[in-house]
Amino acid sequence: MNKMNTTTQVDLIDLYTSTRQYTESICHALKTEDYVLQPIGEVSPPKWHLGHTSWFFETFILSKFDVGYQSFNPQYNFVFNSYYESVGKRVIRVNRGNLSRPTVGQVYDYRRHVDTQIVRLLNEIEISSEIQKLMILGINHEQQHQELLISDIKYIFGNNPLFPVYDEGYPIQKLSKKRKPIVCQEGLYEIGFDGPDFCFDNEKGRHKVYLNQFAISSELVTNDEYLEFMTDGGYENFVYWHADGWDWVNKNNIKAPLYWHFHQGEWHRYHLDGFKPIEPDAPVCHVSYYEAFAFASWKGTRLPTEAEWETACNKFDWGQRWEWTESAYLPYPGFKKEEGAIGEYNGKFMVSQMVLRGASEATSPHHSRPTYRNFFYPDARWQFTGIRYII
């Protein structure tokens, strides 16, 4: 058969292969027992991530475009489907940790099988624009799961009373103390993705927004600043909180960010390098939208909207933390869902969630851009989330 341009074909195979290898490198420190744990519903076992990302390529590439392809195991569609209703029934999310089978070894065998078949297919066929589009989506989907893997491994280790070390040399980021306001003038701006490169469908629909003049902080909130909020009774004073947030604080006895522990008279944190005293100049991490809102309220200000964040982001450094915004996760003007199962990727989650912007230290290389719209429920904080506020 005629092949697509060799360079494009080789680049796509190389990108696929390197992405798959990076996923497995994240699991380098895990023991077999670590792969199967699911402490809470939001956290998926590492084994499931490895299987699900393989299922994605098998379901949307191999089963569709490889004539005569036989699935590695027909039962895996039930085990590793995440939320695609149109693809069939699935294990519900909170039960993923109950799957002692397939074994970790069998899941890695599944990955090897899918990798071999994908590379063979891409070498044998003419890569149509549809296949290339789905391959790039699958690669970006796997990069999303790479960040989820890191977040989930941290939650698994961080809720183990032994506080296992994932990586003794894990770098801890620090912030400049030279905070300054970045002023953006009143006017008409455009936000949203526009261009030939990849983006998710929720970024499309570039459109105009009118903004009043605003000033946004050049730096994220540090641990030291957040500790001031705590010391000043931030978690005890309802006036700083939404009603839902105040209910959440009291129902769950929230006193500090996730992974913070008051030990021997001072605050410690668990991070991937182990259990240590908090670093005052590090950006605060693992806070919910409720906490981000309350902190900004305590400061006498607010969080930026996603339009303000995108308008100003080229004037400050970003990428250390996913930054909560004051914007609900809603479709942009003209948003259209893709046809079929791929259309379930983003659109059906556009309710009751808040937008985060930027990226984090756990975000995979080459998987961030100013228009990226992450989204979580207001109480979520196991991701690497932080705070930037309007000054």
Protein backbone atom coordinates (compact mmCIF):
# COMPACT_ATOMS: atom_id res chain seq x y z
CA MET A 1 0.00 0.00 0.00
CA ASN A 2 1.05 3.60 -0.43
CA LYS A 3 2.58 5.08 2.66
CA MET A 4 2.16 8.54 4.07
CA ASN A 5 5.16 10.83 3.92
CA THR A 6 7.95 8.87 5.65
CA THR A 7 9.01 11.69 7.96
CA THR A 8 5.47 12.21 9.21
CA GLN A 9 5.01 8.48 9.66
CA VAL A 10 8.28 8.04 11.55
CA ASP A 11 7.56 11.09 13.71
CA LEU A 12 4.14 9.74 14.65
CA ILE A 13 5.55 6.34 15.56
CA ASP A 14 8.36 7.93 17.56
CA LEU A 15 5.92 10.20 19.41
CA TYR A 16 3.69 7.25 20.19
CA THR A 17 6.57 5.08 21.38
CA SER A 18 8.19 7.75 23.54
CA THR A 19 4.83 8.61 25.12
CA ARG A 20 4.16 4.99 26.00
CA GLN A 21 7.64 4.58 27.45
CA TYR A 22 7.28 7.71 29.57
CA THR A 23 4.08 6.35 31.10
CA GLU A 24 5.88 3.23 32.22
CA SER A 25 8.84 5.21 33.54
CA ILE A 26 6.48 6.95 35.98
CA CYS A 27 5.85 3.54 37.53
CA HIS A 28 9.55 2.76 37.99
CA ALA A 29 9.41 3.04 41.80
CA LEU A 30 6.29 0.93 42.26
CA LYS A 31 6.10 -2.54 43.72
CA THR A 32 3.41 -4.97 42.63
CA GLU A 33 1.26 -4.15 45.66
CA ASP A 34 1.28 -0.43 44.76
CA TYR A 35 -0.32 -1.00 41.36
CA VAL A 36 -3.70 -2.16 42.66
CA LEU A 37 -4.65 0.33 45.40
CA GLN A 38 -7.58 2.76 45.19
CA PRO A 39 -7.85 4.71 48.47
CA ILE A 40 -10.72 6.90 47.23
CA GLY A 41 -13.05 6.88 44.25
CA GLU A 42 -11.23 9.71 42.45
CA VAL A 43 -7.91 7.86 42.54
CA SER A 44 -7.50 5.03 40.05
CA PRO A 45 -5.00 2.20 40.61
CA PRO A 46 -1.82 2.64 38.55
CA LYS A 47 -2.51 -0.73 36.93
CA TRP A 48 -5.83 0.61 35.65
CA HIS A 49 -4.18 3.67 34.06
CA LEU A 50 -1.74 1.40 32.21
CA GLY A 51 -4.60 -0.74 30.93
CA HIS A 52 -7.01 2.07 30.10
CA THR A 53 -4.54 4.01 27.95
CA SER A 54 -3.85 0.79 26.01
CA TRP A 55 -7.58 0.14 25.69
CA PHE A 56 -7.97 3.59 24.13
CA PHE A 57 -5.60 2.78 21.26
CA GLU A 58 -7.01 -0.72 20.84
CA THR A 59 -10.63 0.52 20.76
CA PHE A 60 -10.30 3.65 18.64
CA ILE A 61 -7.40 2.66 16.35
CA LEU A 62 -6.83 -1.09 16.09
CA SER A 63 -10.43 -2.27 16.26
CA LYS A 64 -11.53 0.38 13.78
CA PHE A 65 -8.74 0.47 11.20
CA ASP A 66 -6.90 -2.87 11.45
CA VAL A 67 -8.95 -5.29 9.32
CA GLY A 68 -9.29 -8.62 11.07
CA TYR A 69 -7.84 -7.40 14.35
CA GLN A 70 -8.67 -9.65 17.30
CA SER A 71 -8.82 -8.00 20.71
CA PHE A 72 -6.18 -9.04 23.22
CA ASN A 73 -8.92 -10.02 25.66
CA PRO A 74 -12.60 -9.22 24.96
CA GLN A 75 -13.25 -8.76 28.70
CA TYR A 76 -10.81 -5.85 28.86
CA ASN A 77 -13.37 -3.58 27.23
CA PHE A 78 -15.48 -3.95 30.37
CA VAL A 79 -12.49 -3.60 32.71
CA PHE A 80 -10.68 -0.64 31.13
CA ASN A 81 -13.44 1.50 29.60
CA SER A 82 -13.61 4.69 31.65
CA TYR A 83 -16.82 6.59 30.89
CA TYR A 84 -17.62 5.95 27.21
CA GLU A 85 -21.27 4.94 27.31
CA SER A 86 -21.40 4.34 23.56
CA VAL A 87 -18.56 1.78 23.76
CA GLY A 88 -20.32 -0.47 26.24
CA LYS A 89 -20.73 -1.29 29.91
CA ARG A 90 -17.80 -0.90 32.30
CA VAL A 91 -16.59 -1.39 35.83
CA ILE A 92 -17.75 1.63 37.80
CA ARG A 93 -14.96 3.96 38.83
CA VAL A 94 -15.06 3.30 42.56
CA ASN A 95 -14.62 -0.45 41.98
CA ARG A 96 -11.41 -0.26 39.95
CA GLY A 97 -9.41 -1.12 43.06
CA ASN A 98 -11.29 -4.40 43.43
CA LEU A 99 -9.68 -5.84 40.31
CA SER A 100 -6.91 -8.16 41.43
CA ARG A 101 -7.12 -9.61 37.91
CA PRO A 102 -5.85 -9.01 35.32
CA THR A 103 -2.51 -9.12 37.07
CA VAL A 104 0.09 -6.40 36.74
CA GLY A 105 2.09 -8.71 34.49
CA GLN A 106 -0.92 -9.32 32.26
CA VAL A 107 -1.53 -5.59 31.95
CA TYR A 108 2.07 -5.04 30.84
CA ASP A 109 1.61 -7.91 28.35
CA TYR A 110 -1.47 -6.05 27.08
CA ARG A 111 0.60 -2.91 26.61
CA ARG A 112 3.27 -4.82 24.69
CA HIS A 113 0.61 -6.34 22.45
CA VAL A 114 -1.06 -3.00 21.70
CA ASP A 115 2.30 -1.28 21.09
CA THR A 116 3.43 -3.98 18.67
CA GLN A 117 0.16 -3.89 16.74
CA ILE A 118 -0.02 -0.07 16.59
CA VAL A 119 3.53 0.25 15.25
CA ARG A 120 2.91 -2.55 12.74
CA LEU A 121 -0.33 -0.91 11.58
CA LEU A 122 1.24 2.51 11.16
CA ASN A 123 4.03 0.98 9.09
CA GLU A 124 1.67 -0.98 6.85
CA ILE A 125 -1.13 1.42 5.99
CA GLU A 126 -1.55 4.84 4.53
CA ILE A 127 -2.09 7.08 7.53
CA SER A 128 -5.24 9.00 6.79
CA SER A 129 -6.06 12.31 8.38
CA GLU A 130 -8.66 10.52 10.54
CA ILE A 131 -6.11 8.02 11.86
CA GLN A 132 -3.56 10.74 12.50
CA LYS A 133 -6.14 12.82 14.36
CA LEU A 134 -7.12 9.87 16.56
CA MET A 135 -3.50 8.92 17.19
CA ILE A 136 -2.64 12.44 18.32
CA LEU A 137 -5.74 12.49 20.52
CA GLY A 138 -4.71 9.15 22.01
CA ILE A 139 -1.21 10.41 22.71
CA ASN A 140 -2.56 13.52 24.42
CA HIS A 141 -5.03 11.35 26.31
CA GLU A 142 -2.14 9.23 27.57
CA GLN A 143 -0.24 12.36 28.59
CA GLN A 144 -3.25 13.37 30.68
CA HIS A 145 -3.11 9.98 32.37
CA GLN A 146 0.60 10.43 33.03
CA GLU A 147 -0.23 13.39 35.23
CA LEU A 148 -3.07 11.46 36.83
CA LEU A 149 -0.66 8.59 37.48
CA ILE A 150 1.72 10.88 39.38
CA SER A 151 -1.15 12.43 41.34
CA ASP A 152 -2.67 9.04 42.15
CA ILE A 153 0.65 7.49 43.16
CA LYS A 154 1.22 10.43 45.48
CA TYR A 155 -2.21 9.91 47.03
CA ILE A 156 -1.56 6.19 47.48
CA PHE A 157 1.84 6.82 49.12
CA GLY A 158 0.66 9.92 50.99
CA ASN A 159 -2.08 7.95 52.72
CA ASN A 160 0.28 5.19 53.78
CA PRO A 161 1.36 5.78 57.41
CA LEU A 162 4.92 4.86 56.42
CA PHE A 163 5.00 7.76 53.89
CA PRO A 164 7.02 5.86 51.26
CA VAL A 165 9.54 7.86 49.23
CA TYR A 166 8.81 7.83 45.51
CA ASP A 167 11.94 9.74 44.46
CA GLU A 168 14.52 11.03 46.96
CA GLY A 169 15.77 13.55 44.43
CA TYR A 170 12.38 14.91 43.45
CA PRO A 171 12.87 18.67 42.83
CA ILE A 172 11.01 21.10 45.08
CA GLN A 173 10.12 24.34 43.35
CA LYS A 174 10.52 27.71 45.05
CA LEU A 175 9.02 31.10 44.22
CA SER A 176 10.38 34.58 43.98
CA LYS A 177 9.49 36.85 46.90
CA LYS A 178 9.24 39.80 44.51
CA ARG A 179 5.50 39.75 44.05
CA LYS A 180 4.14 42.51 41.83
CA PRO A 181 0.82 43.35 40.22
CA ILE A 182 0.53 42.74 36.48
CA VAL A 183 -1.93 45.25 35.10
CA CYS A 184 -4.12 44.56 32.08
CA GLN A 185 -6.03 47.47 30.65
CA GLU A 186 -9.76 47.55 30.07
CA GLY A 187 -10.68 46.42 26.62
CA LEU A 188 -11.71 43.75 24.15
CA TYR A 189 -9.63 40.58 24.07
CA GLU A 190 -9.79 37.18 22.40
CA ILE A 191 -9.42 33.84 24.15
CA GLY A 192 -9.55 30.24 23.00
CA PHE A 193 -7.44 28.13 20.68
CA ASP A 194 -6.93 29.06 17.07
CA GLY A 195 -4.41 27.28 14.90
CA PRO A 196 -3.45 24.07 13.08
CA ASP A 197 -1.89 22.28 16.05
CA PHE A 198 -3.64 19.95 18.47
CA CYS A 199 -6.02 21.14 21.13
CA PHE A 200 -8.94 19.57 22.97
CA ASP A 201 -12.43 20.39 21.76
CA ASN A 202 -13.25 22.43 24.88
CA GLU A 203 -10.56 24.98 23.88
CA LYS A 204 -12.11 25.65 20.48
CA GLY A 205 -14.35 28.54 19.62
CA ARG A 206 -11.98 31.48 19.90
CA HIS A 207 -14.11 34.43 20.88
CA LYS A 208 -14.03 37.98 22.15
CA VAL A 209 -14.40 38.96 25.79
CA TYR A 210 -14.63 42.41 27.26
CA LEU A 211 -12.62 42.87 30.44
CA ASN A 212 -12.48 45.70 32.92
CA GLN A 213 -9.02 46.76 34.00
CA PHE A 214 -7.51 44.30 36.45
CA ALA A 215 -4.21 43.46 38.10
CA ILE A 216 -3.11 39.89 38.75
CA SER A 217 -0.30 38.66 40.99
CA SER A 218 2.99 37.82 39.31
CA GLU A 219 3.50 34.91 41.73
CA LEU A 220 1.53 32.00 43.10
CA VAL A 221 0.62 31.90 46.78
CA THR A 222 3.39 30.32 48.88
CA ASN A 223 3.16 27.90 51.78
CA ASP A 224 4.21 30.70 54.10
CA GLU A 225 1.40 32.97 52.91
CA TYR A 226 -1.13 30.19 53.19
CA LEU A 227 0.06 29.43 56.70
CA GLU A 228 -0.75 33.05 57.62
CA PHE A 229 -4.32 32.41 56.47
CA MET A 230 -4.48 29.29 58.63
CA THR A 231 -2.94 31.00 61.67
CA ASP A 232 -5.42 33.86 61.34
CA GLY A 233 -8.30 31.43 61.69
CA GLY A 234 -9.04 30.98 58.01
CA TYR A 235 -10.55 27.55 58.53
CA GLU A 236 -12.60 28.69 61.54
CA ASN A 237 -14.26 31.82 60.13
CA PHE A 238 -17.28 31.17 57.92
CA VAL A 239 -17.18 34.68 56.47
CA TYR A 240 -14.44 33.71 53.97
CA TRP A 241 -16.25 30.69 52.58
CA HIS A 242 -19.04 29.81 50.20
CA ALA A 243 -21.86 28.03 52.00
CA ASP A 244 -20.96 24.79 50.22
CA GLY A 245 -17.31 25.30 51.10
CA TRP A 246 -18.10 25.93 54.75
CA ASP A 247 -20.20 22.76 54.85
CA TRP A 248 -17.30 20.87 53.26
CA VAL A 249 -14.83 22.21 55.84
CA ASN A 250 -16.99 21.20 58.77
CA LYS A 251 -18.19 17.88 57.43
CA ASN A 252 -14.63 16.75 56.63
CA ASN A 253 -12.83 18.55 59.50
CA ILE A 254 -10.52 20.33 57.05
CA LYS A 255 -7.73 22.26 58.79
CA ALA A 256 -4.95 22.50 56.18
CA PRO A 257 -4.08 21.60 52.57
CA LEU A 258 -4.00 17.95 51.62
CA TYR A 259 -0.81 16.18 52.77
CA TRP A 260 -0.08 18.75 55.52
CA HIS A 261 0.48 17.30 59.01
CA PHE A 262 1.20 19.12 62.27
CA HIS A 263 4.09 17.09 63.70
CA GLN A 264 6.29 17.86 66.71
CA GLY A 265 5.22 21.48 66.85
CA GLU A 266 5.54 22.40 63.17
CA TRP A 267 3.80 21.78 59.87
CA HIS A 268 5.15 19.04 57.65
CA ARG A 269 4.08 17.95 54.21
CA TYR A 270 4.21 14.70 52.31
CA HIS A 271 5.62 15.00 48.82
CA LEU A 272 7.18 12.54 46.42
CA ASP A 273 10.54 12.97 48.16
CA GLY A 274 9.02 11.94 51.50
CA PHE A 275 7.75 13.49 54.73
CA LYS A 276 9.50 16.79 55.53
CA PRO A 277 8.85 20.25 57.04
CA ILE A 278 7.03 22.54 54.62
CA GLU A 279 9.19 24.84 52.52
CA PRO A 280 8.00 28.45 53.15
CA ASP A 281 8.82 29.64 49.62
CA ALA A 282 7.29 26.71 47.74
CA PRO A 283 3.93 27.33 46.05
CA VAL A 284 1.07 25.98 48.13
CA CYS A 285 -0.30 22.80 46.62
CA HIS A 286 -3.28 20.46 46.84
CA VAL A 287 -5.91 23.02 47.76
CA SER A 288 -9.52 22.86 46.61
CA TYR A 289 -11.42 25.60 44.84
CA TYR A 290 -13.22 26.17 48.14
CA GLU A 291 -9.89 26.84 49.87
CA ALA A 292 -8.56 28.98 47.01
CA PHE A 293 -11.71 31.12 47.13
CA ALA A 294 -11.52 31.43 50.93
CA PHE A 295 -7.86 32.46 50.82
CA ALA A 296 -8.58 35.15 48.21
CA SER A 297 -11.55 36.33 50.26
CA TRP A 298 -9.33 36.53 53.35
CA LYS A 299 -6.93 38.69 51.31
CA GLY A 300 -9.82 40.96 50.43
CA THR A 301 -9.79 40.02 46.77
CA ARG A 302 -10.81 37.22 44.40
CA LEU A 303 -9.53 34.61 41.98
CA PRO A 304 -9.10 35.56 38.31
CA THR A 305 -11.61 34.47 35.72
CA GLU A 306 -10.25 32.16 33.06
CA ALA A 307 -10.49 35.00 30.52
CA GLU A 308 -8.40 37.25 32.77
CA TRP A 309 -5.88 34.46 33.33
CA GLU A 310 -5.46 33.71 29.63
CA THR A 311 -5.20 37.40 28.77
CA ALA A 312 -2.46 38.01 31.33
CA CYS A 313 -0.54 34.71 31.36
CA ASN A 314 2.11 35.77 28.85
CA LYS A 315 3.28 38.33 31.43
CA PHE A 316 4.03 35.89 34.27
CA ASP A 317 5.58 32.46 34.74
CA TRP A 318 3.10 29.63 34.97
CA GLY A 319 3.23 25.86 34.99
CA GLN A 320 4.09 24.99 38.59
CA ARG A 321 0.49 24.50 39.75
CA TRP A 322 -2.89 24.17 38.13
CA GLU A 323 -4.47 27.49 39.07
CA TRP A 324 -8.08 27.71 40.18
CA THR A 325 -10.15 30.35 38.43
CA GLU A 326 -13.47 31.95 39.25
CA SER A 327 -15.00 30.49 36.08
CA ALA A 328 -17.46 27.63 35.87
CA TYR A 329 -16.62 24.97 33.29
CA LEU A 330 -18.97 25.82 30.43
CA PRO A 331 -18.81 25.50 26.62
CA TYR A 332 -17.35 28.30 24.56
CA PRO A 333 -19.61 29.94 21.96
CA GLY A 334 -20.10 27.59 19.04
CA PHE A 335 -18.88 24.51 20.89
CA LYS A 336 -19.79 21.29 19.08
CA LYS A 337 -19.24 17.77 20.34
CA GLU A 338 -17.48 15.32 18.07
CA GLU A 339 -19.52 12.52 16.58
CA GLY A 340 -19.54 9.13 18.32
CA ALA A 341 -17.67 8.05 21.45
CA ILE A 342 -14.97 10.72 21.05
CA GLY A 343 -17.70 13.30 21.61
CA GLU A 344 -17.95 12.06 25.21
CA TYR A 345 -14.44 13.29 25.96
CA ASN A 346 -15.23 16.72 27.41
CA GLY A 347 -18.68 18.04 26.66
CA LYS A 348 -20.73 15.91 29.01
CA PHE A 349 -18.72 17.14 32.01
CA MET A 350 -19.64 20.80 31.53
CA VAL A 351 -21.68 21.12 34.72
CA SER A 352 -20.88 21.75 38.40
CA GLN A 353 -17.12 22.03 37.85
CA MET A 354 -14.61 24.87 37.96
CA VAL A 355 -11.90 25.71 35.42
CA LEU A 356 -8.20 25.53 36.26
CA ARG A 357 -5.58 27.08 34.02
CA GLY A 358 -1.88 26.58 33.40
CA ALA A 359 -0.12 23.29 34.13
CA SER A 360 1.77 21.72 37.01
CA GLU A 361 5.07 20.09 37.89
CA ALA A 362 3.33 16.77 37.18
CA THR A 363 2.19 17.80 33.69
CA SER A 364 3.93 15.87 30.94
CA PRO A 365 6.44 17.63 28.69
CA HIS A 366 4.85 19.37 25.67
CA HIS A 367 1.38 19.00 27.17
CA SER A 368 0.64 22.58 28.19
CA ARG A 369 -0.55 25.71 26.41
CA PRO A 370 -2.20 28.98 27.47
CA THR A 371 -5.64 27.90 26.21
CA TYR A 372 -5.72 24.55 28.05
CA ARG A 373 -8.89 24.21 30.16
CA ASN A 374 -8.59 21.76 33.02
CA PHE A 375 -11.65 21.21 35.21
CA PHE A 376 -12.50 19.65 38.55
CA TYR A 377 -15.23 19.69 41.16
CA PRO A 378 -14.80 22.43 43.80
CA ASP A 379 -13.74 20.03 46.56
CA ALA A 380 -11.03 18.25 44.49
CA ARG A 381 -7.48 18.68 45.74
CA TRP A 382 -5.49 15.54 44.99
CA GLN A 383 -4.25 17.18 41.79
CA PHE A 384 -1.32 19.65 41.92
CA THR A 385 -3.51 22.72 42.41
CA GLY A 386 -2.52 26.19 43.62
CA ILE A 387 -3.64 29.81 43.89
CA ARG A 388 -3.01 33.06 42.03
CA TYR A 389 -5.21 36.01 42.91
CA ILE A 390 -6.31 39.40 41.66
CA ILE A 391 -4.40 42.20 43.39
